[in-house]
Amino acid sequence: MKVKRISLQEQKYGYDIGLLFVTVFLCIFGLIMIYSASYYTATVKGLGPAYYLKKQLVFTVIGLILMLVMAAVPYRIFNGPLSLVAYGVGFILIVLTTFTSLGHTAGGRTRWITLFGQTFQTAEIVKVGVIAVLAWLVTRFARQLRGHKLNFLMLLIAAVPALLVFSNDLSSAAIIAVIPVVMIVILNNKKSTYIILAVLAVLFIGLLIYIKNMDLDKLMQLGKWVDEHTPLHEYQMRRLYVWNDPTYDARGDGYQVLQGLYAIGSGGLFGKGLGAGTQKLGFVPEASNDMIFAILCEELGLFGAFALILLYVFMLYRMMRIAVQAEDVYGALFTIGVMTQIAVQAFFHIAVVTNLLPNTGISLPFISYGGTSSIFLMGEVGLVISVGRGLREKKKT
C-alpha cells in the first residue's frame, strides 16, 4: 500500500486532538441523550430517574480510561499473536453464547453472555478481533498469498464468526462481513474491484427496492418459504413485513417502527427542545438504545440530527487522515477497519430508525445506552490515535 504523507502541524503532543475531542464530545452528548430518553422508563420501574445515566457514566469513564491507555500503547504490539488472541477469544465467546447455557436471551435474541456475574455483548469483541487479525494477516502473508488467495482468506476469516452471529444479530453480522470487503477494496485499488463492488451494490439496492414495493401478501408467502428453508428466523421475516408496510401489525411488530417515525415527524426542523419529547414516555420501545436517534430527532429536530451526522463525518475524516499517513500497513488497515465499523453501524442505526432498512436492533455509536459497545469502541479509537501518534513521534526525532 502506498502511503501519502501530509503535514499535521496542528496536532500537538503526539495525539490527534480533533479525533480525541470529537470522541469525548460524542460520549458526553450521548450521556445527555441517554438521560433524556431513559428517565421516564427508569422512574416507572422504580429505579430512579438517573439510573441508566449513572450506569452509562461508569461505562463511559471506563471507556475513556481504556482509550487513553490504548492511545499511549504502541499499536505495533498488536501486530502479532495478540491479534490472534483477540480473534480467538471473540470466536470462543460467540460459540459459548450461541450453543451453551451461558448465552443470555432478551427480546428473542441471544446476543449476550453472562460470565462472573456480568453480562456483555460478544459481537463487539468479535468486531475488534476481526479488524485486528485481518490487518495482521495482510502484513504477515501479503507476499506469500497474493491476489485472490489473500482476498478469499480475508473473507473466510470474517465469514465464520459472521455466520455464527447471523441468526441472533443480523446487523453485527453485516458489519463484520463489510469490514474485509472495504479492506480488500483499499488494498487492490483496481478499477475491476470498484466495478464489481458497484455492481453488487446496485443489485443489493435493487433487491431492497423490489422487496419494499412487493405486495405484502406475496412477501409473506415468500417469508414462509424462507423461514422453512434458510437459517432466518420467523421474527426476522416479520421485520421485512413491517419494513414493507409500517402499518403491518401496528400494535405488535410494527409498533416500534411507527412510534419512531411519529417521533421523527413531530420534531420538525428544530425539535421540541432537549428533554421535551413525548414519544419516550412509554411509547417508543428501547428509546435509549435502538431508537435513540428518533428521540434525538423529536427533541432537536432535523437540525440536531444533521449536526450529529456532521460530527460522525468529522470523526471519520480524522481517522482517514491517520490511515493515509500511517507508518505501516497494519496501522492503516486497523484504522480503516475501525472507520468501517463506526460508519456502517451509524448508517444502519439511522437507516433502521427512519425505516430505510428493516429493523435489526443496532445501537448508535457513542450515543446509545450500552456498556460493551461504548467501552470497546473507545478502546478502538484509542488504538487509532496510537497509530497517528507513532508517526508524529517519529517526526519529532
Protein backbone atom coordinates (compact mmCIF):
# COMPACT_ATOMS: atom_id res chain seq x y z
CA MET A 1 0.00 0.00 0.00
CA LYS A 2 1.39 3.40 -0.95
CA VAL A 3 1.38 5.89 1.88
CA LYS A 4 0.95 9.59 1.28
CA ARG A 5 2.50 11.85 3.90
CA ILE A 6 0.72 15.06 4.84
CA SER A 7 1.51 17.75 7.36
CA LEU A 8 -0.18 17.53 10.75
CA GLN A 9 1.35 20.57 12.41
CA GLU A 10 -1.88 21.47 14.18
CA GLN A 11 -1.77 18.24 16.20
CA LYS A 12 0.19 18.58 19.45
CA TYR A 13 1.70 16.21 21.97
CA GLY A 14 1.57 13.33 19.50
CA TYR A 15 -2.22 12.96 19.81
CA ASP A 16 -4.84 13.72 17.20
CA ILE A 17 -6.60 16.43 19.19
CA GLY A 18 -9.51 16.61 16.72
CA LEU A 19 -10.28 12.89 16.98
CA LEU A 20 -9.86 12.93 20.74
CA PHE A 21 -12.17 15.93 21.10
CA VAL A 22 -14.97 14.62 18.87
CA THR A 23 -14.93 11.25 20.65
CA VAL A 24 -15.21 12.81 24.10
CA PHE A 25 -17.88 15.23 22.85
CA LEU A 26 -19.96 12.40 21.39
CA CYS A 27 -19.70 10.46 24.66
CA ILE A 28 -20.84 13.47 26.71
CA PHE A 29 -23.66 14.19 24.28
CA GLY A 30 -24.61 10.51 24.45
CA LEU A 31 -24.91 10.73 28.26
CA ILE A 32 -27.25 13.72 27.90
CA MET A 33 -29.42 11.92 25.35
CA ILE A 34 -29.49 8.70 27.39
CA TYR A 35 -30.75 10.59 30.43
CA SER A 36 -33.35 12.41 28.35
CA ALA A 37 -34.54 9.18 26.70
CA SER A 38 -34.50 6.95 29.79
CA TYR A 39 -35.50 8.94 32.87
CA TYR A 40 -39.23 8.20 32.41
CA THR A 41 -38.72 4.46 31.95
CA ALA A 42 -36.32 4.31 34.90
CA THR A 43 -38.79 6.21 37.10
CA VAL A 44 -41.70 3.94 36.14
CA LYS A 45 -39.58 0.90 37.03
CA GLY A 46 -38.80 2.44 40.41
CA LEU A 47 -35.08 2.69 39.66
CA GLY A 48 -34.73 6.43 39.97
CA PRO A 49 -34.65 8.89 37.03
CA ALA A 50 -30.83 8.84 36.70
CA TYR A 51 -30.42 5.05 36.92
CA TYR A 52 -29.41 4.45 33.29
CA LEU A 53 -27.37 7.65 33.20
CA LYS A 54 -25.31 6.52 36.20
CA LYS A 55 -24.66 3.10 34.68
CA GLN A 56 -23.66 4.58 31.35
CA LEU A 57 -21.43 7.12 33.11
CA VAL A 58 -19.48 4.24 34.64
CA PHE A 59 -19.13 2.59 31.22
CA THR A 60 -18.05 5.89 29.68
CA VAL A 61 -15.38 6.54 32.32
CA ILE A 62 -14.02 3.01 31.86
CA GLY A 63 -14.06 3.50 28.10
CA LEU A 64 -12.27 6.86 28.26
CA ILE A 65 -9.58 5.41 30.52
CA LEU A 66 -9.16 2.49 28.12
CA MET A 67 -8.98 4.90 25.18
CA LEU A 68 -6.17 6.90 26.80
CA VAL A 69 -4.30 3.71 27.73
CA MET A 70 -4.60 2.35 24.18
CA ALA A 71 -3.52 5.72 22.77
CA ALA A 72 -0.37 5.59 24.90
CA VAL A 73 0.45 1.97 23.98
CA PRO A 74 2.49 1.41 20.77
CA TYR A 75 -0.08 -0.10 18.42
CA ARG A 76 2.52 -2.43 16.86
CA ILE A 77 2.37 -4.76 19.87
CA PHE A 78 -0.98 -5.94 18.47
CA ASN A 79 0.60 -6.76 15.10
CA GLY A 80 1.22 -10.37 16.02
CA PRO A 81 -0.05 -13.01 18.46
CA LEU A 82 -2.28 -10.53 20.32
CA SER A 83 -4.41 -10.11 17.19
CA LEU A 84 -4.89 -13.88 17.01
CA VAL A 85 -5.73 -13.96 20.71
CA ALA A 86 -8.37 -11.23 20.28
CA TYR A 87 -9.91 -13.09 17.34
CA GLY A 88 -9.79 -16.44 19.16
CA VAL A 89 -11.36 -15.07 22.35
CA GLY A 90 -14.16 -13.43 20.38
CA PHE A 91 -14.78 -16.62 18.40
CA ILE A 92 -14.91 -18.79 21.54
CA LEU A 93 -17.27 -16.36 23.27
CA ILE A 94 -19.61 -16.35 20.25
CA VAL A 95 -19.68 -20.16 20.27
CA LEU A 96 -20.42 -20.19 24.01
CA THR A 97 -23.13 -17.55 23.55
CA THR A 98 -24.80 -19.38 20.68
CA PHE A 99 -24.57 -23.01 21.78
CA THR A 100 -24.40 -23.09 25.59
CA SER A 101 -26.49 -22.04 28.55
CA LEU A 102 -24.11 -19.13 29.16
CA GLY A 103 -25.90 -17.24 26.40
CA HIS A 104 -28.30 -14.60 27.69
CA THR A 105 -31.53 -14.14 25.72
CA ALA A 106 -33.53 -10.90 25.61
CA GLY A 107 -36.25 -9.95 23.15
CA GLY A 108 -35.98 -13.35 21.48
CA ARG A 109 -32.31 -12.80 20.61
CA THR A 110 -29.27 -14.41 22.23
CA ARG A 111 -26.65 -11.69 21.83
CA TRP A 112 -25.14 -11.61 25.30
CA ILE A 113 -23.10 -13.90 27.51
CA THR A 114 -23.01 -13.98 31.30
CA LEU A 115 -19.61 -14.58 32.89
CA PHE A 116 -18.64 -13.95 36.51
CA GLY A 117 -21.98 -12.26 37.12
CA GLN A 118 -21.51 -9.75 34.29
CA THR A 119 -23.45 -9.70 31.02
CA PHE A 120 -21.90 -8.31 27.85
CA GLN A 121 -22.44 -8.44 24.10
CA THR A 122 -19.96 -10.80 22.49
CA ALA A 123 -20.32 -9.46 18.93
CA GLU A 124 -18.46 -6.29 19.97
CA ILE A 125 -15.41 -8.38 20.90
CA VAL A 126 -15.63 -10.24 17.60
CA LYS A 127 -15.56 -6.97 15.63
CA VAL A 128 -12.31 -5.91 17.29
CA GLY A 129 -10.80 -9.35 16.79
CA VAL A 130 -11.72 -9.46 13.09
CA ILE A 131 -10.26 -5.99 12.45
CA ALA A 132 -7.01 -6.81 14.27
CA VAL A 133 -6.46 -10.24 12.73
CA LEU A 134 -7.23 -9.10 9.17
CA ALA A 135 -4.72 -6.26 9.47
CA TRP A 136 -2.15 -8.70 10.85
CA LEU A 137 -2.89 -11.27 8.14
CA VAL A 138 -2.14 -8.80 5.35
CA THR A 139 1.13 -7.64 6.90
CA ARG A 140 2.23 -11.23 7.63
CA PHE A 141 1.21 -13.08 4.47
CA ALA A 142 0.87 -10.40 1.76
CA ARG A 143 3.97 -11.72 -0.06
CA GLN A 144 3.13 -15.42 0.25
CA LEU A 145 -0.59 -15.05 -0.54
CA ARG A 146 -1.32 -12.56 -3.26
CA GLY A 147 -4.40 -11.57 -5.18
CA HIS A 148 -7.44 -13.82 -4.92
CA LYS A 149 -5.91 -16.21 -2.36
CA LEU A 150 -5.40 -13.42 0.17
CA ASN A 151 -8.82 -11.93 -0.56
CA PHE A 152 -10.51 -15.30 -0.10
CA LEU A 153 -8.71 -15.92 3.20
CA MET A 154 -9.73 -12.49 4.50
CA LEU A 155 -13.35 -13.11 3.59
CA LEU A 156 -13.26 -16.58 5.15
CA ILE A 157 -11.83 -15.32 8.44
CA ALA A 158 -14.65 -12.78 8.75
CA ALA A 159 -17.36 -15.07 7.37
CA VAL A 160 -17.05 -17.76 10.05
CA PRO A 161 -17.88 -15.54 13.06
CA ALA A 162 -20.35 -13.55 10.96
CA LEU A 163 -22.34 -16.71 10.25
CA LEU A 164 -22.37 -17.61 13.94
CA VAL A 165 -23.63 -14.12 14.82
CA PHE A 166 -26.11 -14.03 11.92
CA SER A 167 -29.01 -15.91 13.49
CA ASN A 168 -29.26 -13.61 16.53
CA ASP A 169 -27.63 -10.35 15.43
CA LEU A 170 -28.06 -9.63 11.72
CA SER A 171 -26.71 -6.08 11.95
CA SER A 172 -23.46 -7.13 13.65
CA ALA A 173 -23.04 -9.94 11.13
CA ALA A 174 -23.39 -7.41 8.31
CA ILE A 175 -20.80 -5.11 9.89
CA ILE A 176 -18.33 -7.98 10.33
CA ALA A 177 -18.88 -9.01 6.70
CA VAL A 178 -18.38 -5.49 5.33
CA ILE A 179 -15.03 -4.91 7.11
CA PRO A 180 -12.92 -7.30 4.93
CA VAL A 181 -14.68 -6.08 1.78
CA VAL A 182 -13.61 -2.48 2.44
CA MET A 183 -10.07 -3.62 3.28
CA ILE A 184 -9.85 -5.63 0.06
CA VAL A 185 -11.06 -2.69 -2.00
CA ILE A 186 -8.46 -0.40 -0.41
CA LEU A 187 -5.67 -2.94 -0.88
CA ASN A 188 -6.45 -3.77 -4.51
CA ASN A 189 -7.28 -0.25 -5.65
CA LYS A 190 -8.22 -1.54 -9.11
CA LYS A 191 -10.97 -0.44 -11.45
CA SER A 192 -12.22 -4.01 -11.76
CA THR A 193 -12.66 -4.22 -7.98
CA TYR A 194 -14.66 -1.00 -7.89
CA ILE A 195 -16.79 -2.16 -10.82
CA ILE A 196 -17.59 -5.48 -9.13
CA LEU A 197 -18.42 -3.69 -5.88
CA ALA A 198 -20.62 -1.19 -7.70
CA VAL A 199 -22.49 -3.99 -9.49
CA LEU A 200 -23.08 -5.84 -6.22
CA ALA A 201 -24.26 -2.62 -4.57
CA VAL A 202 -26.71 -1.93 -7.40
CA LEU A 203 -28.05 -5.50 -7.24
CA PHE A 204 -28.47 -5.26 -3.46
CA ILE A 205 -30.24 -1.89 -3.67
CA GLY A 206 -32.42 -3.24 -6.46
CA LEU A 207 -33.38 -6.22 -4.28
CA LEU A 208 -34.28 -3.87 -1.40
CA ILE A 209 -36.41 -1.70 -3.70
CA TYR A 210 -38.15 -4.81 -5.05
CA ILE A 211 -38.96 -6.07 -1.54
CA LYS A 212 -40.06 -2.62 -0.41
CA ASN A 213 -42.55 -2.37 -3.27
CA MET A 214 -43.61 -6.01 -3.22
CA ASP A 215 -47.21 -6.91 -2.45
CA LEU A 216 -47.37 -7.73 1.27
CA ASP A 217 -49.29 -10.99 0.77
CA LYS A 218 -46.70 -12.24 -1.73
CA LEU A 219 -43.91 -11.18 0.59
CA MET A 220 -45.48 -13.14 3.44
CA GLN A 221 -45.70 -16.23 1.24
CA LEU A 222 -42.04 -15.79 0.36
CA GLY A 223 -41.28 -15.32 4.06
CA LYS A 224 -42.83 -18.69 4.94
CA TRP A 225 -40.64 -20.40 2.37
CA VAL A 226 -37.51 -18.60 3.62
CA ASP A 227 -38.34 -19.46 7.24
CA GLU A 228 -38.62 -23.16 6.34
CA HIS A 229 -35.56 -23.45 4.10
CA THR A 230 -32.99 -20.92 5.42
CA PRO A 231 -31.35 -20.03 8.79
CA LEU A 232 -33.53 -16.90 9.04
CA HIS A 233 -35.98 -16.91 11.93
CA GLU A 234 -39.66 -16.05 11.75
CA TYR A 235 -39.21 -12.85 13.75
CA GLN A 236 -36.60 -11.67 11.23
CA MET A 237 -39.04 -12.19 8.38
CA ARG A 238 -41.73 -10.26 10.25
CA ARG A 239 -39.38 -7.30 10.28
CA LEU A 240 -39.39 -7.40 6.49
CA TYR A 241 -43.19 -7.25 6.53
CA VAL A 242 -43.07 -4.18 8.80
CA TRP A 243 -40.44 -2.58 6.57
CA ASN A 244 -42.62 -3.21 3.53
CA ASP A 245 -45.70 -1.80 5.29
CA PRO A 246 -45.12 0.01 8.63
CA THR A 247 -48.80 -0.36 9.48
CA TYR A 248 -48.49 -4.17 9.40
CA ASP A 249 -49.28 -5.37 12.92
CA ALA A 250 -49.28 -1.80 14.21
CA ARG A 251 -49.75 -2.95 17.81
CA GLY A 252 -47.14 -5.69 17.58
CA ASP A 253 -44.09 -5.93 15.35
CA GLY A 254 -44.80 -2.61 13.64
CA TYR A 255 -45.32 -0.66 16.86
CA GLN A 256 -41.69 0.36 17.44
CA VAL A 257 -41.16 1.48 13.83
CA LEU A 258 -44.36 3.54 13.73
CA GLN A 259 -43.69 5.23 17.06
CA GLY A 260 -40.17 6.05 15.95
CA LEU A 261 -41.46 7.61 12.75
CA TYR A 262 -44.00 9.63 14.75
CA ALA A 263 -41.16 10.93 16.93
CA ILE A 264 -39.09 11.96 13.91
CA GLY A 265 -42.03 13.62 12.19
CA SER A 266 -43.13 15.56 15.26
CA GLY A 267 -39.67 17.05 15.78
CA GLY A 268 -39.78 19.23 12.71
CA LEU A 269 -36.79 21.40 11.85
CA PHE A 270 -35.54 22.40 15.30
CA GLY A 271 -37.35 19.93 17.58
CA LYS A 272 -39.43 20.31 20.70
CA GLY A 273 -36.43 21.04 22.88
CA LEU A 274 -33.98 18.85 24.76
CA GLY A 275 -35.92 16.78 27.29
CA ALA A 276 -39.31 17.91 25.96
CA GLY A 277 -40.05 14.89 23.77
CA THR A 278 -43.15 12.83 24.46
CA GLN A 279 -42.57 9.61 22.49
CA LYS A 280 -40.08 8.41 25.11
CA LEU A 281 -42.86 8.45 27.70
CA GLY A 282 -43.64 4.78 27.25
CA PHE A 283 -44.39 4.93 23.51
CA VAL A 284 -41.07 4.14 21.80
CA PRO A 285 -39.56 0.82 22.95
CA GLU A 286 -35.79 0.84 23.54
CA ALA A 287 -35.80 4.64 23.45
CA SER A 288 -32.33 4.94 24.97
CA ASN A 289 -30.74 2.28 22.78
CA ASP A 290 -32.03 1.03 19.43
CA MET A 291 -34.30 4.05 18.86
CA ILE A 292 -32.31 6.88 20.40
CA PHE A 293 -31.93 8.65 17.04
CA ALA A 294 -35.72 9.00 16.89
CA ILE A 295 -35.74 10.70 20.30
CA LEU A 296 -32.92 12.96 19.16
CA CYS A 297 -34.92 13.97 16.07
CA GLU A 298 -38.01 14.69 18.16
CA GLU A 299 -36.17 16.87 20.67
CA LEU A 300 -33.51 18.51 18.48
CA GLY A 301 -35.18 18.26 15.08
CA LEU A 302 -33.56 17.74 11.71
CA PHE A 303 -31.01 20.39 12.63
CA GLY A 304 -29.77 18.31 15.57
CA ALA A 305 -29.78 15.13 13.51
CA PHE A 306 -27.74 16.79 10.75
CA ALA A 307 -25.29 18.19 13.32
CA LEU A 308 -24.76 14.70 14.76
CA ILE A 309 -24.12 13.28 11.29
CA LEU A 310 -21.54 16.02 10.68
CA LEU A 311 -19.77 15.01 13.90
CA TYR A 312 -19.53 11.44 12.61
CA VAL A 313 -18.22 12.71 9.27
CA PHE A 314 -15.58 14.75 11.07
CA MET A 315 -14.55 11.71 13.15
CA LEU A 316 -14.22 9.56 10.04
CA TYR A 317 -12.27 12.34 8.31
CA ARG A 318 -9.73 12.46 11.15
CA MET A 319 -9.38 8.68 11.01
CA MET A 320 -8.90 8.79 7.26
CA ARG A 321 -6.05 11.26 7.67
CA ILE A 322 -4.40 8.91 10.14
CA ALA A 323 -4.88 5.89 7.84
CA VAL A 324 -3.48 7.71 4.79
CA GLN A 325 -0.25 8.70 6.54
CA ALA A 326 0.20 5.65 8.78
CA GLU A 327 3.73 4.30 9.10
CA ASP A 328 2.83 0.75 8.11
CA VAL A 329 0.10 -1.32 6.52
CA TYR A 330 -1.07 -2.74 9.85
CA GLY A 331 -1.77 0.71 11.28
CA ALA A 332 -3.51 1.83 8.10
CA LEU A 333 -5.71 -1.27 7.83
CA PHE A 334 -6.61 -1.30 11.52
CA THR A 335 -7.71 2.34 11.24
CA ILE A 336 -9.71 1.56 8.09
CA GLY A 337 -11.40 -1.33 9.91
CA VAL A 338 -12.44 0.90 12.83
CA MET A 339 -13.66 3.55 10.38
CA THR A 340 -15.77 0.95 8.59
CA GLN A 341 -17.27 -0.35 11.81
CA ILE A 342 -18.30 3.11 13.06
CA ALA A 343 -19.56 4.30 9.66
CA VAL A 344 -21.62 1.19 8.91
CA GLN A 345 -23.03 0.96 12.44
CA ALA A 346 -24.08 4.63 12.46
CA PHE A 347 -25.60 4.28 8.99
CA PHE A 348 -27.52 1.13 9.94
CA HIS A 349 -28.92 2.72 13.09
CA ILE A 350 -30.12 5.85 11.31
CA ALA A 351 -31.46 3.87 8.34
CA VAL A 352 -33.35 1.46 10.62
CA VAL A 353 -34.91 4.23 12.73
CA THR A 354 -36.04 6.10 9.60
CA ASN A 355 -37.32 2.80 8.08
CA LEU A 356 -34.90 2.94 5.16
CA LEU A 357 -33.75 -0.54 6.21
CA PRO A 358 -35.55 -3.35 8.07
CA ASN A 359 -35.37 -3.19 11.85
CA THR A 360 -32.31 -5.10 13.05
CA GLY A 361 -31.80 -3.61 16.51
CA ILE A 362 -28.48 -1.78 16.47
CA SER A 363 -27.02 0.89 18.72
CA LEU A 364 -25.78 4.33 17.66
CA PRO A 365 -22.01 4.57 18.28
CA PHE A 366 -21.08 6.58 21.40
CA ILE A 367 -24.71 7.74 21.81
CA SER A 368 -26.87 4.71 22.64
CA TYR A 369 -27.01 3.09 26.06
CA GLY A 370 -24.79 0.05 26.30
CA GLY A 371 -21.59 -0.80 28.13
CA THR A 372 -19.85 -3.31 25.86
CA SER A 373 -20.23 -1.24 22.71
CA SER A 374 -19.09 2.01 24.34
CA ILE A 375 -16.04 0.51 26.05
CA PHE A 376 -14.75 -1.39 23.03
CA LEU A 377 -15.41 1.44 20.58
CA MET A 378 -13.44 3.86 22.74
CA GLY A 379 -10.64 1.31 23.05
CA GLU A 380 -10.52 1.04 19.25
CA VAL A 381 -10.41 4.81 18.87
CA GLY A 382 -7.52 4.85 21.34
CA LEU A 383 -5.55 2.46 19.11
CA VAL A 384 -6.31 4.62 16.07
CA ILE A 385 -4.91 7.61 17.99
CA SER A 386 -1.85 5.47 18.75
CA VAL A 387 -1.40 4.84 15.01
CA GLY A 388 -1.34 8.58 14.37
CA ARG A 389 0.84 9.25 17.42
CA GLY A 390 3.54 6.89 16.18
CA LEU A 391 4.15 8.92 13.05
CA ARG A 392 4.27 12.25 14.83
CA GLU A 393 6.74 10.94 17.41
CA LYS A 394 8.96 9.81 14.58
CA LYS A 395 8.77 13.28 13.02
CA LYS A 396 9.92 14.86 16.31
CA THR A 397 13.02 12.67 16.37
